[in-house]
């Protein structure tokens, strides 16, 4: 008796970091189909609920277009003192985020949602604690000049120059990059069965 074929994988994200992380653990998506959803937090929405809602909403937007496939969606949320920091598009936003994170601990919440050919949706929430060293103005200015902050939750990319800011990390490093690999692989294996 032969094993069932593995369904094709669809990544519901345009993030090159998520794609790189999947490839790192041997998954090559058959398609990349980013979800176009409103990512505005609801009034009084708690960060953990927001991260899971975003992952699930992305999945629900994309999965109907890919019957029979494994569909993976994820969202990364940076939280400082219960405040959800934005995915920065403007330099002033990124400066504000880095100033808030300077010398402080923050949480990175990774929401992951997966569905398979059977249609069952599985989700996970992964939390990583990160503490930045106290940042000097010149360090913030240099980081902003690099442009790495564009489109990044909390205004930084840990896999780039911001790695030099990290004094402490507890939990999944890949979660901070954009996808908690241990949990994601478990969800994909379960959904493929």
Foldseek 3Di string as FASTA:
>chain_A
DDDDDFFAEEEQDPDPLVQVVCVVVPHHHPYYHHADDDLDDDVPDFPQNSQQVQFVVSCVRPVVVPAQHKYKGKDKWKAQPRDTQDLDADLVSLLVLCQSQAQAKIKIKMKMWIAHNVGDIDIDIFIKIWHFYHDDPVRSVVLSVVVQQHRAGSRHACVPPCVVGTPDMDGAPSSNNPDRPVVVVVVSVVNRD
